[in-house]
PDB file of all heavy atoms in Angstrom:
ATOM      1  N   SER A   1      81.487  21.248 -57.042  1.00  0.00           N
ATOM      2  CA  SER A   1      82.057  20.185 -57.900  1.00  0.00           C
ATOM      3  C   SER A   1      80.968  19.883 -58.935  1.00  0.00           C
ATOM      4  O   SER A   1      79.756  20.005 -58.686  1.00  0.00           O
ATOM      5  CB  SER A   1      82.438  19.021 -57.327  1.00  0.00           C
ATOM      6  OG  SER A   1      81.279  18.295 -56.643  1.00  0.00           O
ATOM      7  N   GLY A   2      81.405  19.553 -60.117  1.00  0.00           N
ATOM      8  CA  GLY A   2      80.394  19.073 -61.206  1.00  0.00           C
ATOM      9  C   GLY A   2      80.194  20.163 -62.248  1.00  0.00           C
ATOM     10  O   GLY A   2      80.736  21.373 -62.055  1.00  0.00           O
ATOM     11  N   GLU A   3      79.448  19.832 -63.178  1.00  0.00           N
ATOM     12  CA  GLU A   3      79.133  20.752 -64.278  1.00  0.00           C
ATOM     13  C   GLU A   3      78.062  21.755 -63.826  1.00  0.00           C
ATOM     14  O   GLU A   3      77.251  21.430 -62.886  1.00  0.00           O
ATOM     15  CB  GLU A   3      78.531  19.942 -65.474  1.00  0.00           C
ATOM     16  CG  GLU A   3      78.388  20.781 -66.754  1.00  0.00           C
ATOM     17  CD  GLU A   3      77.731  19.962 -67.901  1.00  0.00           C
ATOM     18  OE1 GLU A   3      78.066  18.825 -67.925  1.00  0.00           O
ATOM     19  OE2 GLU A   3      77.215  20.582 -68.678  1.00  0.00           O
ATOM     20  N   ILE A   4      78.044  22.894 -64.323  1.00  0.00           N
ATOM     21  CA  ILE A   4      77.208  24.051 -63.864  1.00  0.00           C
ATOM     22  C   ILE A   4      75.684  23.733 -64.032  1.00  0.00           C
ATOM     23  O   ILE A   4      74.905  24.017 -63.184  1.00  0.00           O
ATOM     24  CB  ILE A   4      77.592  25.418 -64.507  1.00  0.00           C
ATOM     25  CG1 ILE A   4      76.771  26.509 -63.937  1.00  0.00           C
ATOM     26  CG2 ILE A   4      77.236  25.354 -66.038  1.00  0.00           C
ATOM     27  CD1 ILE A   4      77.464  26.979 -62.713  1.00  0.00           C
ATOM     28  N   ASN A   5      75.406  23.024 -65.064  1.00  0.00           N
ATOM     29  CA  ASN A   5      74.072  22.629 -65.471  1.00  0.00           C
ATOM     30  C   ASN A   5      73.425  21.681 -64.394  1.00  0.00           C
ATOM     31  O   ASN A   5      72.279  21.781 -63.957  1.00  0.00           O
ATOM     32  CB  ASN A   5      73.805  22.160 -66.932  1.00  0.00           C
ATOM     33  CG  ASN A   5      74.066  23.231 -67.924  1.00  0.00           C
ATOM     34  OD1 ASN A   5      73.836  24.405 -67.680  1.00  0.00           O
ATOM     35  ND2 ASN A   5      74.564  22.811 -69.038  1.00  0.00           N
ATOM     36  N   THR A   6      74.208  20.716 -64.001  1.00  0.00           N
ATOM     37  CA  THR A   6      73.738  19.696 -63.058  1.00  0.00           C
ATOM     38  C   THR A   6      73.582  20.257 -61.788  1.00  0.00           C
ATOM     39  O   THR A   6      72.705  19.939 -61.051  1.00  0.00           O
ATOM     40  CB  THR A   6      74.712  18.403 -63.101  1.00  0.00           C
ATOM     41  OG1 THR A   6      76.058  18.928 -62.756  1.00  0.00           O
ATOM     42  CG2 THR A   6      74.766  17.682 -64.370  1.00  0.00           C
ATOM     43  N   VAL A   7      74.594  21.119 -61.463  1.00  0.00           N
ATOM     44  CA  VAL A   7      74.526  21.786 -60.095  1.00  0.00           C
ATOM     45  C   VAL A   7      73.246  22.731 -59.940  1.00  0.00           C
ATOM     46  O   VAL A   7      72.545  22.687 -58.964  1.00  0.00           O
ATOM     47  CB  VAL A   7      75.834  22.658 -59.906  1.00  0.00           C
ATOM     48  CG1 VAL A   7      75.679  23.540 -58.676  1.00  0.00           C
ATOM     49  CG2 VAL A   7      76.962  21.739 -59.766  1.00  0.00           C
ATOM     50  N   TRP A   8      72.999  23.357 -61.121  1.00  0.00           N
ATOM     51  CA  TRP A   8      71.768  24.299 -61.264  1.00  0.00           C
ATOM     52  C   TRP A   8      70.524  23.528 -61.088  1.00  0.00           C
ATOM     53  O   TRP A   8      69.543  23.763 -60.348  1.00  0.00           O
ATOM     54  CB  TRP A   8      71.749  25.107 -62.386  1.00  0.00           C
ATOM     55  CG  TRP A   8      70.557  25.770 -62.511  1.00  0.00           C
ATOM     56  CD1 TRP A   8      69.528  25.627 -63.509  1.00  0.00           C
ATOM     57  CD2 TRP A   8      69.987  26.898 -61.654  1.00  0.00           C
ATOM     58  NE1 TRP A   8      68.552  26.506 -63.317  1.00  0.00           N
ATOM     59  CE2 TRP A   8      68.743  27.318 -62.256  1.00  0.00           C
ATOM     60  CE3 TRP A   8      70.510  27.531 -60.616  1.00  0.00           C
ATOM     61  CZ2 TRP A   8      67.962  28.280 -61.705  1.00  0.00           C
ATOM     62  CZ3 TRP A   8      69.777  28.588 -60.039  1.00  0.00           C
ATOM     63  CH2 TRP A   8      68.518  28.920 -60.530  1.00  0.00           C
ATOM     64  N   GLU A   9      70.432  22.296 -61.784  1.00  0.00           N
ATOM     65  CA  GLU A   9      69.226  21.517 -61.732  1.00  0.00           C
ATOM     66  C   GLU A   9      68.984  20.922 -60.401  1.00  0.00           C
ATOM     67  O   GLU A   9      67.931  20.946 -59.854  1.00  0.00           O
ATOM     68  CB  GLU A   9      69.434  20.217 -62.706  1.00  0.00           C
ATOM     69  CG  GLU A   9      69.382  20.659 -64.170  1.00  0.00           C
ATOM     70  CD  GLU A   9      67.935  21.217 -64.536  1.00  0.00           C
ATOM     71  OE1 GLU A   9      66.956  20.586 -63.876  1.00  0.00           O
ATOM     72  OE2 GLU A   9      67.778  22.080 -65.424  1.00  0.00           O
ATOM     73  N   SER A  10      70.032  20.494 -59.651  1.00  0.00           N
ATOM     74  CA  SER A  10      69.897  19.980 -58.325  1.00  0.00           C
ATOM     75  C   SER A  10      69.494  21.085 -57.303  1.00  0.00           C
ATOM     76  O   SER A  10      68.614  20.898 -56.522  1.00  0.00           O
ATOM     77  CB  SER A  10      71.144  19.197 -57.947  1.00  0.00           C
ATOM     78  OG  SER A  10      72.143  20.117 -57.842  1.00  0.00           O
ATOM     79  N   LEU A  11      70.172  22.232 -57.540  1.00  0.00           N
ATOM     80  CA  LEU A  11      69.806  23.450 -56.637  1.00  0.00           C
ATOM     81  C   LEU A  11      68.307  23.868 -56.794  1.00  0.00           C
ATOM     82  O   LEU A  11      67.614  23.975 -55.829  1.00  0.00           O
ATOM     83  CB  LEU A  11      70.809  24.566 -56.867  1.00  0.00           C
ATOM     84  CG  LEU A  11      70.515  25.809 -56.027  1.00  0.00           C
ATOM     85  CD1 LEU A  11      70.758  25.511 -54.652  1.00  0.00           C
ATOM     86  CD2 LEU A  11      71.368  27.062 -56.582  1.00  0.00           C
ATOM     87  N   SER A  12      67.997  24.120 -58.126  1.00  0.00           N
ATOM     88  CA  SER A  12      66.520  24.454 -58.308  1.00  0.00           C
ATOM     89  C   SER A  12      65.469  23.527 -57.875  1.00  0.00           C
ATOM     90  O   SER A  12      64.509  23.830 -57.332  1.00  0.00           O
ATOM     91  CB  SER A  12      66.397  24.818 -59.773  1.00  0.00           C
ATOM     92  OG  SER A  12      66.573  23.676 -60.654  1.00  0.00           O
ATOM     93  N   SER A  13      65.863  22.198 -58.062  1.00  0.00           N
ATOM     94  CA  SER A  13      64.855  21.109 -57.667  1.00  0.00           C
ATOM     95  C   SER A  13      64.748  21.054 -56.158  1.00  0.00           C
ATOM     96  O   SER A  13      63.608  20.943 -55.685  1.00  0.00           O
ATOM     97  CB  SER A  13      65.223  19.856 -58.215  1.00  0.00           C
ATOM     98  OG  SER A  13      66.372  19.367 -57.614  1.00  0.00           O
ATOM     99  N   HIS A  14      65.844  21.237 -55.484  1.00  0.00           N
ATOM    100  CA  HIS A  14      65.713  21.293 -54.002  1.00  0.00           C
ATOM    101  C   HIS A  14      64.937  22.525 -53.450  1.00  0.00           C
ATOM    102  O   HIS A  14      64.115  22.407 -52.515  1.00  0.00           O
ATOM    103  CB  HIS A  14      67.203  21.403 -53.332  1.00  0.00           C
ATOM    104  CG  HIS A  14      67.726  19.938 -53.219  1.00  0.00           C
ATOM    105  ND1 HIS A  14      68.210  19.189 -54.279  1.00  0.00           N
ATOM    106  CD2 HIS A  14      67.865  19.253 -52.063  1.00  0.00           C
ATOM    107  CE1 HIS A  14      68.611  18.032 -53.837  1.00  0.00           C
ATOM    108  NE2 HIS A  14      68.484  18.048 -52.536  1.00  0.00           N
ATOM    109  N   VAL A  15      65.142  23.719 -54.093  1.00  0.00           N
ATOM    110  CA  VAL A  15      64.563  24.847 -53.667  1.00  0.00           C
ATOM    111  C   VAL A  15      62.976  24.749 -53.863  1.00  0.00           C
ATOM    112  O   VAL A  15      62.147  25.074 -53.124  1.00  0.00           O
ATOM    113  CB  VAL A  15      65.040  26.149 -54.428  1.00  0.00           C
ATOM    114  CG1 VAL A  15      64.147  27.420 -54.113  1.00  0.00           C
ATOM    115  CG2 VAL A  15      66.556  26.303 -53.892  1.00  0.00           C
ATOM    116  N   LEU A  16      62.600  24.146 -55.132  1.00  0.00           N
ATOM    117  CA  LEU A  16      61.168  24.073 -55.537  1.00  0.00           C
ATOM    118  C   LEU A  16      60.600  23.026 -54.593  1.00  0.00           C
ATOM    119  O   LEU A  16      59.437  23.137 -54.050  1.00  0.00           O
ATOM    120  CB  LEU A  16      61.064  23.758 -56.988  1.00  0.00           C
ATOM    121  CG  LEU A  16      61.131  24.886 -57.968  1.00  0.00           C
ATOM    122  CD1 LEU A  16      61.039  24.372 -59.377  1.00  0.00           C
ATOM    123  CD2 LEU A  16      60.090  25.980 -57.676  1.00  0.00           C
ATOM    124  N   ASP A  17      61.197  21.905 -54.259  1.00  0.00           N
ATOM    125  CA  ASP A  17      60.683  20.915 -53.548  1.00  0.00           C
ATOM    126  C   ASP A  17      60.435  21.399 -52.151  1.00  0.00           C
ATOM    127  O   ASP A  17      59.487  21.066 -51.420  1.00  0.00           O
ATOM    128  CB  ASP A  17      61.559  19.604 -53.576  1.00  0.00           C
ATOM    129  CG  ASP A  17      61.500  18.837 -54.900  1.00  0.00           C
ATOM    130  OD1 ASP A  17      60.500  19.201 -55.720  1.00  0.00           O
ATOM    131  OD2 ASP A  17      62.435  17.995 -55.089  1.00  0.00           O
ATOM    132  N   THR A  18      61.349  22.158 -51.577  1.00  0.00           N
ATOM    133  CA  THR A  18      61.146  22.612 -50.274  1.00  0.00           C
ATOM    134  C   THR A  18      60.044  23.651 -50.176  1.00  0.00           C
ATOM    135  O   THR A  18      59.271  23.693 -49.197  1.00  0.00           O
ATOM    136  CB  THR A  18      62.520  23.377 -49.921  1.00  0.00           C
ATOM    137  OG1 THR A  18      63.612  22.456 -49.995  1.00  0.00           O
ATOM    138  CG2 THR A  18      62.437  23.929 -48.379  1.00  0.00           C
ATOM    139  N   ALA A  19      59.923  24.424 -51.184  1.00  0.00           N
ATOM    140  CA  ALA A  19      58.747  25.421 -51.198  1.00  0.00           C
ATOM    141  C   ALA A  19      57.478  24.686 -51.409  1.00  0.00           C
ATOM    142  O   ALA A  19      56.476  25.016 -50.813  1.00  0.00           O
ATOM    143  CB  ALA A  19      59.028  26.420 -52.305  1.00  0.00           C
ATOM    144  N   LYS A  20      57.416  23.601 -52.250  1.00  0.00           N
ATOM    145  CA  LYS A  20      56.083  22.971 -52.552  1.00  0.00           C
ATOM    146  C   LYS A  20      55.702  22.013 -51.462  1.00  0.00           C
ATOM    147  O   LYS A  20      54.557  22.190 -51.022  1.00  0.00           O
ATOM    148  CB  LYS A  20      56.224  22.117 -53.926  1.00  0.00           C
ATOM    149  CG  LYS A  20      55.963  22.893 -55.137  1.00  0.00           C
ATOM    150  CD  LYS A  20      55.764  21.928 -56.212  1.00  0.00           C
ATOM    151  CE  LYS A  20      57.056  21.220 -56.668  1.00  0.00           C
ATOM    152  NZ  LYS A  20      56.769  20.528 -57.973  1.00  0.00           N
ATOM    153  N   PHE A  21      56.640  21.286 -51.001  1.00  0.00           N
ATOM    154  CA  PHE A  21      56.072  20.196 -50.121  1.00  0.00           C
ATOM    155  C   PHE A  21      56.221  20.378 -48.625  1.00  0.00           C
ATOM    156  O   PHE A  21      55.841  19.615 -47.791  1.00  0.00           O
ATOM    157  CB  PHE A  21      56.897  18.915 -50.454  1.00  0.00           C
ATOM    158  CG  PHE A  21      56.705  18.532 -51.902  1.00  0.00           C
ATOM    159  CD1 PHE A  21      57.712  18.380 -52.800  1.00  0.00           C
ATOM    160  CD2 PHE A  21      55.365  18.225 -52.362  1.00  0.00           C
ATOM    161  CE1 PHE A  21      57.450  18.054 -54.167  1.00  0.00           C
ATOM    162  CE2 PHE A  21      55.123  17.942 -53.738  1.00  0.00           C
ATOM    163  CZ  PHE A  21      56.199  17.784 -54.564  1.00  0.00           C
ATOM    164  N   THR A  22      56.791  21.536 -48.218  1.00  0.00           N
ATOM    165  CA  THR A  22      56.756  21.772 -46.812  1.00  0.00           C
ATOM    166  C   THR A  22      55.554  22.621 -46.515  1.00  0.00           C
ATOM    167  O   THR A  22      54.882  23.139 -47.355  1.00  0.00           O
ATOM    168  CB  THR A  22      58.012  22.583 -46.440  1.00  0.00           C
ATOM    169  OG1 THR A  22      58.072  23.869 -47.110  1.00  0.00           O
ATOM    170  CG2 THR A  22      59.294  21.872 -46.715  1.00  0.00           C
ATOM    171  N   SER A  23      55.256  22.743 -45.141  1.00  0.00           N
ATOM    172  CA  SER A  23      54.029  23.433 -44.703  1.00  0.00           C
ATOM    173  C   SER A  23      54.364  24.957 -44.746  1.00  0.00           C
ATOM    174  O   SER A  23      53.484  25.754 -44.466  1.00  0.00           O
ATOM    175  CB  SER A  23      53.693  22.860 -43.354  1.00  0.00           C
ATOM    176  OG  SER A  23      54.690  23.246 -42.536  1.00  0.00           O
ATOM    177  N   THR A  24      55.538  25.455 -45.072  1.00  0.00           N
ATOM    178  CA  THR A  24      55.812  26.884 -44.982  1.00  0.00           C
ATOM    179  C   THR A  24      55.155  27.559 -46.092  1.00  0.00           C
ATOM    180  O   THR A  24      54.508  28.512 -45.800  1.00  0.00           O
ATOM    181  CB  THR A  24      57.286  27.128 -44.885  1.00  0.00           C
ATOM    182  OG1 THR A  24      57.955  26.459 -46.094  1.00  0.00           O
ATOM    183  CG2 THR A  24      57.958  26.525 -43.531  1.00  0.00           C
ATOM    184  N   LEU A  25      55.517  27.197 -47.313  1.00  0.00           N
ATOM    185  CA  LEU A  25      54.931  27.999 -48.386  1.00  0.00           C
ATOM    186  C   LEU A  25      53.791  27.244 -49.147  1.00  0.00           C
ATOM    187  O   LEU A  25      52.720  27.717 -49.025  1.00  0.00           O
ATOM    188  CB  LEU A  25      56.088  28.241 -49.479  1.00  0.00           C
ATOM    189  CG  LEU A  25      57.132  29.257 -49.140  1.00  0.00           C
ATOM    190  CD1 LEU A  25      57.990  29.542 -50.295  1.00  0.00           C
ATOM    191  CD2 LEU A  25      56.517  30.472 -48.643  1.00  0.00           C
ATOM    192  N   GLY A  26      54.076  26.162 -49.849  1.00  0.00           N
ATOM    193  CA  GLY A  26      52.994  25.405 -50.479  1.00  0.00           C
ATOM    194  C   GLY A  26      52.646  26.157 -51.857  1.00  0.00           C
ATOM    195  O   GLY A  26      53.131  27.051 -52.148  1.00  0.00           O
ATOM    196  N   LEU A  27      51.689  25.496 -52.527  1.00  0.00           N
ATOM    197  CA  LEU A  27      51.322  25.968 -53.732  1.00  0.00           C
ATOM    198  C   LEU A  27      50.223  27.067 -53.570  1.00  0.00           C
ATOM    199  O   LEU A  27      49.352  26.888 -52.681  1.00  0.00           O
ATOM    200  CB  LEU A  27      50.766  24.797 -54.743  1.00  0.00           C
ATOM    201  CG  LEU A  27      51.874  23.802 -55.108  1.00  0.00           C
ATOM    202  CD1 LEU A  27      51.220  22.679 -55.866  1.00  0.00           C
ATOM    203  CD2 LEU A  27      53.025  24.440 -55.979  1.00  0.00           C
ATOM    204  N   LYS A  28      50.197  27.864 -54.621  1.00  0.00           N
ATOM    205  CA  LYS A  28      49.099  28.915 -54.486  1.00  0.00           C
ATOM    206  C   LYS A  28      47.806  28.351 -55.025  1.00  0.00           C
ATOM    207  O   LYS A  28      47.701  27.753 -56.015  1.00  0.00           O
ATOM    208  CB  LYS A  28      49.552  30.147 -55.348  1.00  0.00           C
ATOM    209  CG  LYS A  28      48.679  31.395 -55.112  1.00  0.00           C
ATOM    210  CD  LYS A  28      49.277  32.486 -55.989  1.00  0.00           C
ATOM    211  CE  LYS A  28      48.672  33.712 -55.454  1.00  0.00           C
ATOM    212  NZ  LYS A  28      49.185  34.914 -56.093  1.00  0.00           N
ATOM    213  N   VAL A  29      46.795  28.485 -54.152  1.00  0.00           N
ATOM    214  CA  VAL A  29      45.468  27.950 -54.503  1.00  0.00           C
ATOM    215  C   VAL A  29      44.709  29.170 -55.202  1.00  0.00           C
ATOM    216  O   VAL A  29      44.550  30.134 -54.508  1.00  0.00           O
ATOM    217  CB  VAL A  29      44.788  27.497 -53.319  1.00  0.00           C
ATOM    218  CG1 VAL A  29      43.371  26.957 -53.648  1.00  0.00           C
ATOM    219  CG2 VAL A  29      45.592  26.401 -52.595  1.00  0.00           C
ATOM    220  N   ARG A  30      44.167  28.811 -56.392  1.00  0.00           N
ATOM    221  CA  ARG A  30      43.486  29.852 -57.088  1.00  0.00           C
ATOM    222  C   ARG A  30      42.035  29.563 -56.804  1.00  0.00           C
ATOM    223  O   ARG A  30      41.470  28.609 -57.328  1.00  0.00           O
ATOM    224  CB  ARG A  30      43.747  29.761 -58.538  1.00  0.00           C
ATOM    225  CG  ARG A  30      43.077  30.818 -59.303  1.00  0.00           C
ATOM    226  CD  ARG A  30      43.605  30.796 -60.816  1.00  0.00           C
ATOM    227  NE  ARG A  30      42.758  31.752 -61.532  1.00  0.00           N
ATOM    228  CZ  ARG A  30      42.797  31.820 -62.872  1.00  0.00           C
ATOM    229  NH1 ARG A  30      43.678  30.968 -63.515  1.00  0.00           N
ATOM    230  NH2 ARG A  30      42.166  32.713 -63.461  1.00  0.00           N
ATOM    231  N   LYS A  31      41.280  30.502 -56.076  1.00  0.00           N
ATOM    232  CA  LYS A  31      39.920  30.272 -55.584  1.00  0.00           C
ATOM    233  C   LYS A  31      39.150  31.366 -56.105  1.00  0.00           C
ATOM    234  O   LYS A  31      39.517  32.552 -55.827  1.00  0.00           O
ATOM    235  CB  LYS A  31      39.815  30.053 -54.161  1.00  0.00           C
ATOM    236  CG  LYS A  31      38.443  29.687 -53.709  1.00  0.00           C
ATOM    237  CD  LYS A  31      38.379  29.537 -52.216  1.00  0.00           C
ATOM    238  CE  LYS A  31      37.068  29.103 -51.642  1.00  0.00           C
ATOM    239  NZ  LYS A  31      36.074  30.201 -51.922  1.00  0.00           N
TER     240      LYS A  31
END
């Protein structure tokens, strides 16, 4: 349900937050 742009925004934010803030992936550290 809803407009395609809002659905995409919520989906992408959930995917990025899950990747960033969980201990599974995290951000790439450039060393």
